[in-house]
Amino acid sequence: MIRTQISLSVEDYNAAKQEAARLGISLAELFRRSLRAMIPPDDSKPWMRYAGMVETGDPDSSQRVDEIVYATKP
């Protein structure tokens, strides 16, 4: 990942923090999800349209992506 900085008004920051807390995610994840919703998907990778949309409830799901996405074990 690339780290970046943004400037927000106090009101926007507080609203974003509150929404992130309501969703049970970090502020950074809230911003990532918001950006994904705004940026058009890469048509050369149609599956990317669904990236980040499925929640398994498994905190280790990123380590088992093939098993989860393709229902196969590596």
PDB file of N, CA and C in Angstrom:
ATOM      1  N   MET A   1       0.836  -1.183   0.000  1.00  0.00           N
ATOM      2  CA  MET A   1       0.000   0.000   0.000  1.00  0.00           C
ATOM      3  C   MET A   1       0.880   1.246   0.000  1.00  0.00           C
ATOM      4  N   ILE A   2       0.318   2.287  -0.540  1.00  0.00           N
ATOM      5  CA  ILE A   2       0.983   3.587  -0.535  1.00  0.00           C
ATOM      6  C   ILE A   2       0.307   4.450   0.515  1.00  0.00           C
ATOM      7  N   ARG A   3       1.104   5.081   1.322  1.00  0.00           N
ATOM      8  CA  ARG A   3       0.584   5.944   2.376  1.00  0.00           C
ATOM      9  C   ARG A   3       0.436   7.356   1.827  1.00  0.00           C
ATOM     10  N   THR A   4      -0.661   8.033   2.174  1.00  0.00           N
ATOM     11  CA  THR A   4      -0.892   9.398   1.723  1.00  0.00           C
ATOM     12  C   THR A   4      -1.546  10.205   2.835  1.00  0.00           C
ATOM     13  N   GLN A   5      -1.554  11.500   2.665  1.00  0.00           N
ATOM     14  CA  GLN A   5      -2.186  12.384   3.640  1.00  0.00           C
ATOM     15  C   GLN A   5      -3.255  13.201   2.954  1.00  0.00           C
ATOM     16  N   ILE A   6      -4.329  13.493   3.685  1.00  0.00           N
ATOM     17  CA  ILE A   6      -5.354  14.385   3.186  1.00  0.00           C
ATOM     18  C   ILE A   6      -5.714  15.372   4.283  1.00  0.00           C
ATOM     19  N   SER A   7      -6.276  16.488   3.899  1.00  0.00           N
ATOM     20  CA  SER A   7      -6.741  17.491   4.865  1.00  0.00           C
ATOM     21  C   SER A   7      -8.257  17.498   4.852  1.00  0.00           C
ATOM     22  N   LEU A   8      -8.855  17.485   6.034  1.00  0.00           N
ATOM     23  CA  LEU A   8     -10.306  17.485   6.188  1.00  0.00           C
ATOM     24  C   LEU A   8     -10.719  18.586   7.142  1.00  0.00           C
ATOM     25  N   SER A   9     -11.928  19.075   6.964  1.00  0.00           N
ATOM     26  CA  SER A   9     -12.478  19.990   7.960  1.00  0.00           C
ATOM     27  C   SER A   9     -12.761  19.176   9.225  1.00  0.00           C
ATOM     28  N   VAL A  10     -12.861  19.843  10.329  1.00  0.00           N
ATOM     29  CA  VAL A  10     -13.170  19.165  11.591  1.00  0.00           C
ATOM     30  C   VAL A  10     -14.497  18.431  11.469  1.00  0.00           C
ATOM     31  N   GLU A  11     -15.467  19.055  10.816  1.00  0.00           N
ATOM     32  CA  GLU A  11     -16.786  18.444  10.661  1.00  0.00           C
ATOM     33  C   GLU A  11     -16.717  17.172   9.822  1.00  0.00           C
ATOM     34  N   ASP A  12     -15.992  17.227   8.701  1.00  0.00           N
ATOM     35  CA  ASP A  12     -15.862  16.041   7.855  1.00  0.00           C
ATOM     36  C   ASP A  12     -15.117  14.926   8.572  1.00  0.00           C
ATOM     37  N   TYR A  13     -14.056  15.280   9.291  1.00  0.00           N
ATOM     38  CA  TYR A  13     -13.281  14.287  10.028  1.00  0.00           C
ATOM     39  C   TYR A  13     -14.157  13.599  11.075  1.00  0.00           C
ATOM     40  N   ASN A  14     -14.899  14.384  11.838  1.00  0.00           N
ATOM     41  CA  ASN A  14     -15.752  13.815  12.883  1.00  0.00           C
ATOM     42  C   ASN A  14     -16.848  12.934  12.287  1.00  0.00           C
ATOM     43  N   ALA A  15     -17.434  13.370  11.175  1.00  0.00           N
ATOM     44  CA  ALA A  15     -18.471  12.570  10.523  1.00  0.00           C
ATOM     45  C   ALA A  15     -17.886  11.259   9.995  1.00  0.00           C
ATOM     46  N   ALA A  16     -16.695  11.319   9.410  1.00  0.00           N
ATOM     47  CA  ALA A  16     -16.046  10.116   8.887  1.00  0.00           C
ATOM     48  C   ALA A  16     -15.695   9.159  10.023  1.00  0.00           C
ATOM     49  N   LYS A  17     -15.159   9.675  11.105  1.00  0.00           N
ATOM     50  CA  LYS A  17     -14.820   8.826  12.266  1.00  0.00           C
ATOM     51  C   LYS A  17     -16.073   8.151  12.811  1.00  0.00           C
ATOM     52  N   GLN A  18     -17.161   8.896  12.884  1.00  0.00           N
ATOM     53  CA  GLN A  18     -18.413   8.353  13.408  1.00  0.00           C
ATOM     54  C   GLN A  18     -18.946   7.243  12.492  1.00  0.00           C
ATOM     55  N   GLU A  19     -18.884   7.466  11.179  1.00  0.00           N
ATOM     56  CA  GLU A  19     -19.359   6.450  10.234  1.00  0.00           C
ATOM     57  C   GLU A  19     -18.474   5.210  10.271  1.00  0.00           C
ATOM     58  N   ALA A  20     -17.165   5.394  10.359  1.00  0.00           N
ATOM     59  CA  ALA A  20     -16.247   4.254  10.457  1.00  0.00           C
ATOM     60  C   ALA A  20     -16.551   3.440  11.722  1.00  0.00           C
ATOM     61  N   ALA A  21     -16.776   4.132  12.820  1.00  0.00           N
ATOM     62  CA  ALA A  21     -17.099   3.434  14.072  1.00  0.00           C
ATOM     63  C   ALA A  21     -18.426   2.680  13.946  1.00  0.00           C
ATOM     64  N   ARG A  22     -19.397   3.295  13.297  1.00  0.00           N
ATOM     65  CA  ARG A  22     -20.697   2.649  13.102  1.00  0.00           C
ATOM     66  C   ARG A  22     -20.551   1.368  12.283  1.00  0.00           C
ATOM     67  N   LEU A  23     -19.682   1.406  11.290  1.00  0.00           N
ATOM     68  CA  LEU A  23     -19.445   0.235  10.438  1.00  0.00           C
ATOM     69  C   LEU A  23     -18.468  -0.759  11.052  1.00  0.00           C
ATOM     70  N   GLY A  24     -17.781  -0.351  12.109  1.00  0.00           N
ATOM     71  CA  GLY A  24     -16.806  -1.232  12.749  1.00  0.00           C
ATOM     72  C   GLY A  24     -15.529  -1.381  11.948  1.00  0.00           C
ATOM     73  N   ILE A  25     -15.149  -0.323  11.213  1.00  0.00           N
ATOM     74  CA  ILE A  25     -13.945  -0.349  10.386  1.00  0.00           C
ATOM     75  C   ILE A  25     -13.068   0.848  10.731  1.00  0.00           C
ATOM     76  N   SER A  26     -11.846   0.815  10.256  1.00  0.00           N
ATOM     77  CA  SER A  26     -10.936   1.935  10.488  1.00  0.00           C
ATOM     78  C   SER A  26     -11.299   3.100   9.578  1.00  0.00           C
ATOM     79  N   LEU A  27     -10.816   4.267   9.922  1.00  0.00           N
ATOM     80  CA  LEU A  27     -11.016   5.447   9.091  1.00  0.00           C
ATOM     81  C   LEU A  27     -10.373   5.234   7.723  1.00  0.00           C
ATOM     82  N   ALA A  28      -9.195   4.631   7.698  1.00  0.00           N
ATOM     83  CA  ALA A  28      -8.513   4.350   6.431  1.00  0.00           C
ATOM     84  C   ALA A  28      -9.358   3.433   5.553  1.00  0.00           C
ATOM     85  N   GLU A  29      -9.969   2.411   6.137  1.00  0.00           N
ATOM     86  CA  GLU A  29     -10.809   1.493   5.359  1.00  0.00           C
ATOM     87  C   GLU A  29     -12.047   2.214   4.833  1.00  0.00           C
ATOM     88  N   LEU A  30     -12.620   3.105   5.617  1.00  0.00           N
ATOM     89  CA  LEU A  30     -13.760   3.895   5.144  1.00  0.00           C
ATOM     90  C   LEU A  30     -13.378   4.697   3.910  1.00  0.00           C
ATOM     91  N   PHE A  31     -12.200   5.325   3.930  1.00  0.00           N
ATOM     92  CA  PHE A  31     -11.752   6.104   2.777  1.00  0.00           C
ATOM     93  C   PHE A  31     -11.464   5.205   1.575  1.00  0.00           C
ATOM     94  N   ARG A  32     -10.856   4.039   1.811  1.00  0.00           N
ATOM     95  CA  ARG A  32     -10.591   3.115   0.700  1.00  0.00           C
ATOM     96  C   ARG A  32     -11.889   2.677   0.046  1.00  0.00           C
ATOM     97  N   ARG A  33     -12.882   2.321   0.858  1.00  0.00           N
ATOM     98  CA  ARG A  33     -14.169   1.893   0.309  1.00  0.00           C
ATOM     99  C   ARG A  33     -14.849   3.031  -0.452  1.00  0.00           C
ATOM    100  N   SER A  34     -14.740   4.230   0.070  1.00  0.00           N
ATOM    101  CA  SER A  34     -15.343   5.387  -0.596  1.00  0.00           C
ATOM    102  C   SER A  34     -14.696   5.629  -1.944  1.00  0.00           C
ATOM    103  N   LEU A  35     -13.372   5.518  -2.003  1.00  0.00           N
ATOM    104  CA  LEU A  35     -12.674   5.694  -3.280  1.00  0.00           C
ATOM    105  C   LEU A  35     -13.055   4.618  -4.276  1.00  0.00           C
ATOM    106  N   ARG A  36     -13.128   3.373  -3.816  1.00  0.00           N
ATOM    107  CA  ARG A  36     -13.509   2.279  -4.713  1.00  0.00           C
ATOM    108  C   ARG A  36     -14.887   2.513  -5.321  1.00  0.00           C
ATOM    109  N   ALA A  37     -15.776   3.116  -4.543  1.00  0.00           N
ATOM    110  CA  ALA A  37     -17.123   3.378  -5.042  1.00  0.00           C
ATOM    111  C   ALA A  37     -17.124   4.480  -6.101  1.00  0.00           C
ATOM    112  N   MET A  38     -16.130   5.361  -6.084  1.00  0.00           N
ATOM    113  CA  MET A  38     -16.072   6.491  -7.003  1.00  0.00           C
ATOM    114  C   MET A  38     -15.263   6.208  -8.259  1.00  0.00           C
ATOM    115  N   ILE A  39     -14.272   5.327  -8.175  1.00  0.00           N
ATOM    116  CA  ILE A  39     -13.368   5.067  -9.299  1.00  0.00           C
ATOM    117  C   ILE A  39     -13.940   3.948 -10.158  1.00  0.00           C
ATOM    118  N   PRO A  40     -14.060   4.174 -11.472  1.00  0.00           N
ATOM    119  CA  PRO A  40     -14.598   3.117 -12.344  1.00  0.00           C
ATOM    120  C   PRO A  40     -13.727   1.865 -12.294  1.00  0.00           C
ATOM    121  N   PRO A  41     -14.350   0.682 -12.343  1.00  0.00           N
ATOM    122  CA  PRO A  41     -13.572  -0.565 -12.311  1.00  0.00           C
ATOM    123  C   PRO A  41     -12.746  -0.738 -13.581  1.00  0.00           C
ATOM    124  N   ASP A  42     -11.662  -1.484 -13.450  1.00  0.00           N
ATOM    125  CA  ASP A  42     -10.799  -1.819 -14.580  1.00  0.00           C
ATOM    126  C   ASP A  42     -11.490  -2.934 -15.373  1.00  0.00           C
ATOM    127  N   ASP A  43     -11.957  -2.619 -16.571  1.00  0.00           N
ATOM    128  CA  ASP A  43     -12.696  -3.605 -17.370  1.00  0.00           C
ATOM    129  C   ASP A  43     -11.860  -4.801 -17.792  1.00  0.00           C
ATOM    130  N   SER A  44     -10.540  -4.690 -17.714  1.00  0.00           N
ATOM    131  CA  SER A  44      -9.705  -5.838 -18.069  1.00  0.00           C
ATOM    132  C   SER A  44      -9.697  -6.882 -16.960  1.00  0.00           C
ATOM    133  N   LYS A  45     -10.211  -6.513 -15.783  1.00  0.00           N
ATOM    134  CA  LYS A  45     -10.296  -7.430 -14.648  1.00  0.00           C
ATOM    135  C   LYS A  45     -11.720  -7.368 -14.094  1.00  0.00           C
ATOM    136  N   PRO A  46     -12.685  -8.027 -14.736  1.00  0.00           N
ATOM    137  CA  PRO A  46     -14.083  -7.890 -14.319  1.00  0.00           C
ATOM    138  C   PRO A  46     -14.346  -8.296 -12.880  1.00  0.00           C
ATOM    139  N   TRP A  47     -13.573  -9.219 -12.349  1.00  0.00           N
ATOM    140  CA  TRP A  47     -13.782  -9.639 -10.965  1.00  0.00           C
ATOM    141  C   TRP A  47     -13.467  -8.529  -9.975  1.00  0.00           C
ATOM    142  N   MET A  48     -12.637  -7.537 -10.377  1.00  0.00           N
ATOM    143  CA  MET A  48     -12.268  -6.438  -9.471  1.00  0.00           C
ATOM    144  C   MET A  48     -13.481  -5.583  -9.107  1.00  0.00           C
ATOM    145  N   ARG A  49     -14.512  -5.646  -9.914  1.00  0.00           N
ATOM    146  CA  ARG A  49     -15.735  -4.916  -9.628  1.00  0.00           C
ATOM    147  C   ARG A  49     -16.305  -5.316  -8.268  1.00  0.00           C
ATOM    148  N   TYR A  50     -16.018  -6.539  -7.835  1.00  0.00           N
ATOM    149  CA  TYR A  50     -16.565  -7.055  -6.592  1.00  0.00           C
ATOM    150  C   TYR A  50     -15.569  -7.019  -5.434  1.00  0.00           C
ATOM    151  N   ALA A  51     -14.365  -6.546  -5.688  1.00  0.00           N
ATOM    152  CA  ALA A  51     -13.341  -6.508  -4.644  1.00  0.00           C
ATOM    153  C   ALA A  51     -13.809  -5.661  -3.475  1.00  0.00           C
ATOM    154  N   GLY A  52     -13.677  -6.200  -2.289  1.00  0.00           N
ATOM    155  CA  GLY A  52     -14.042  -5.482  -1.083  1.00  0.00           C
ATOM    156  C   GLY A  52     -15.519  -5.482  -0.771  1.00  0.00           C
ATOM    157  N   MET A  53     -16.326  -6.135  -1.586  1.00  0.00           N
ATOM    158  CA  MET A  53     -17.768  -6.112  -1.372  1.00  0.00           C
ATOM    159  C   MET A  53     -18.265  -7.282  -0.524  1.00  0.00           C
ATOM    160  N   VAL A  54     -17.480  -8.328  -0.433  1.00  0.00           N
ATOM    161  CA  VAL A  54     -17.910  -9.517   0.289  1.00  0.00           C
ATOM    162  C   VAL A  54     -17.185  -9.582   1.620  1.00  0.00           C
ATOM    163  N   GLU A  55     -17.937  -9.753   2.663  1.00  0.00           N
ATOM    164  CA  GLU A  55     -17.340  -9.903   3.981  1.00  0.00           C
ATOM    165  C   GLU A  55     -17.620 -11.309   4.476  1.00  0.00           C
ATOM    166  N   THR A  56     -16.571 -12.027   4.804  1.00  0.00           N
ATOM    167  CA  THR A  56     -16.727 -13.405   5.251  1.00  0.00           C
ATOM    168  C   THR A  56     -16.870 -13.504   6.757  1.00  0.00           C
ATOM    169  N   GLY A  57     -16.433 -12.467   7.465  1.00  0.00           N
ATOM    170  CA  GLY A  57     -16.399 -12.546   8.912  1.00  0.00           C
ATOM    171  C   GLY A  57     -15.144 -13.238   9.411  1.00  0.00           C
ATOM    172  N   ASP A  58     -14.338 -13.720   8.487  1.00  0.00           N
ATOM    173  CA  ASP A  58     -13.092 -14.414   8.818  1.00  0.00           C
ATOM    174  C   ASP A  58     -11.941 -13.420   8.713  1.00  0.00           C
ATOM    175  N   PRO A  59     -11.295 -13.074   9.839  1.00  0.00           N
ATOM    176  CA  PRO A  59     -10.214 -12.092   9.781  1.00  0.00           C
ATOM    177  C   PRO A  59      -9.004 -12.559   8.970  1.00  0.00           C
ATOM    178  N   ASP A  60      -8.911 -13.844   8.681  1.00  0.00           N
ATOM    179  CA  ASP A  60      -7.797 -14.378   7.901  1.00  0.00           C
ATOM    180  C   ASP A  60      -8.185 -14.652   6.447  1.00  0.00           C
ATOM    181  N   SER A  61      -9.331 -14.136   6.007  1.00  0.00           N
ATOM    182  CA  SER A  61      -9.809 -14.455   4.661  1.00  0.00           C
ATOM    183  C   SER A  61      -8.859 -13.991   3.568  1.00  0.00           C
ATOM    184  N   SER A  62      -8.118 -12.926   3.798  1.00  0.00           N
ATOM    185  CA  SER A  62      -7.187 -12.468   2.762  1.00  0.00           C
ATOM    186  C   SER A  62      -6.054 -13.457   2.545  1.00  0.00           C
ATOM    187  N   GLN A  63      -5.808 -14.313   3.510  1.00  0.00           N
ATOM    188  CA  GLN A  63      -4.767 -15.323   3.381  1.00  0.00           C
ATOM    189  C   GLN A  63      -5.282 -16.550   2.642  1.00  0.00           C
ATOM    190  N   ARG A  64      -6.607 -16.634   2.476  1.00  0.00           N
ATOM    191  CA  ARG A  64      -7.208 -17.809   1.855  1.00  0.00           C
ATOM    192  C   ARG A  64      -8.104 -17.405   0.681  1.00  0.00           C
ATOM    193  N   VAL A  65      -7.669 -16.420  -0.087  1.00  0.00           N
ATOM    194  CA  VAL A  65      -8.510 -15.861  -1.154  1.00  0.00           C
ATOM    195  C   VAL A  65      -8.924 -16.903  -2.194  1.00  0.00           C
ATOM    196  N   ASP A  66      -8.035 -17.796  -2.599  1.00  0.00           N
ATOM    197  CA  ASP A  66      -8.393 -18.808  -3.598  1.00  0.00           C
ATOM    198  C   ASP A  66      -9.511 -19.703  -3.084  1.00  0.00           C
ATOM    199  N   GLU A  67      -9.390 -20.098  -1.847  1.00  0.00           N
ATOM    200  CA  GLU A  67     -10.400 -20.969  -1.249  1.00  0.00           C
ATOM    201  C   GLU A  67     -11.752 -20.257  -1.177  1.00  0.00           C
ATOM    202  N   ILE A  68     -11.733 -18.976  -0.828  1.00  0.00           N
ATOM    203  CA  ILE A  68     -12.969 -18.226  -0.676  1.00  0.00           C
ATOM    204  C   ILE A  68     -13.572 -17.851  -2.032  1.00  0.00           C
ATOM    205  N   VAL A  69     -12.771 -17.331  -2.937  1.00  0.00           N
ATOM    206  CA  VAL A  69     -13.281 -16.867  -4.229  1.00  0.00           C
ATOM    207  C   VAL A  69     -13.589 -18.018  -5.168  1.00  0.00           C
ATOM    208  N   TYR A  70     -12.683 -18.994  -5.227  1.00  0.00           N
ATOM    209  CA  TYR A  70     -12.834 -20.078  -6.193  1.00  0.00           C
ATOM    210  C   TYR A  70     -13.281 -21.393  -5.575  1.00  0.00           C
ATOM    211  N   ALA A  71     -13.518 -21.385  -4.279  1.00  0.00           N
ATOM    212  CA  ALA A  71     -13.940 -22.593  -3.549  1.00  0.00           C
ATOM    213  C   ALA A  71     -12.955 -23.734  -3.726  1.00  0.00           C
ATOM    214  N   THR A  72     -11.668 -23.388  -3.764  1.00  0.00           N
ATOM    215  CA  THR A  72     -10.609 -24.394  -3.846  1.00  0.00           C
ATOM    216  C   THR A  72      -9.574 -24.109  -2.785  1.00  0.00           C
ATOM    217  N   LYS A  73      -8.877 -25.121  -2.401  1.00  0.00           N
ATOM    218  CA  LYS A  73      -7.769 -24.949  -1.451  1.00  0.00           C
ATOM    219  C   LYS A  73      -6.472 -24.938  -2.236  1.00  0.00           C
ATOM    220  N   PRO A  74      -5.543 -24.015  -1.869  1.00  0.00           N
ATOM    221  CA  PRO A  74      -4.267 -23.943  -2.601  1.00  0.00           C
ATOM    222  C   PRO A  74      -3.437 -25.207  -2.468  1.00  0.00           C
TER     223      PRO A  74
END
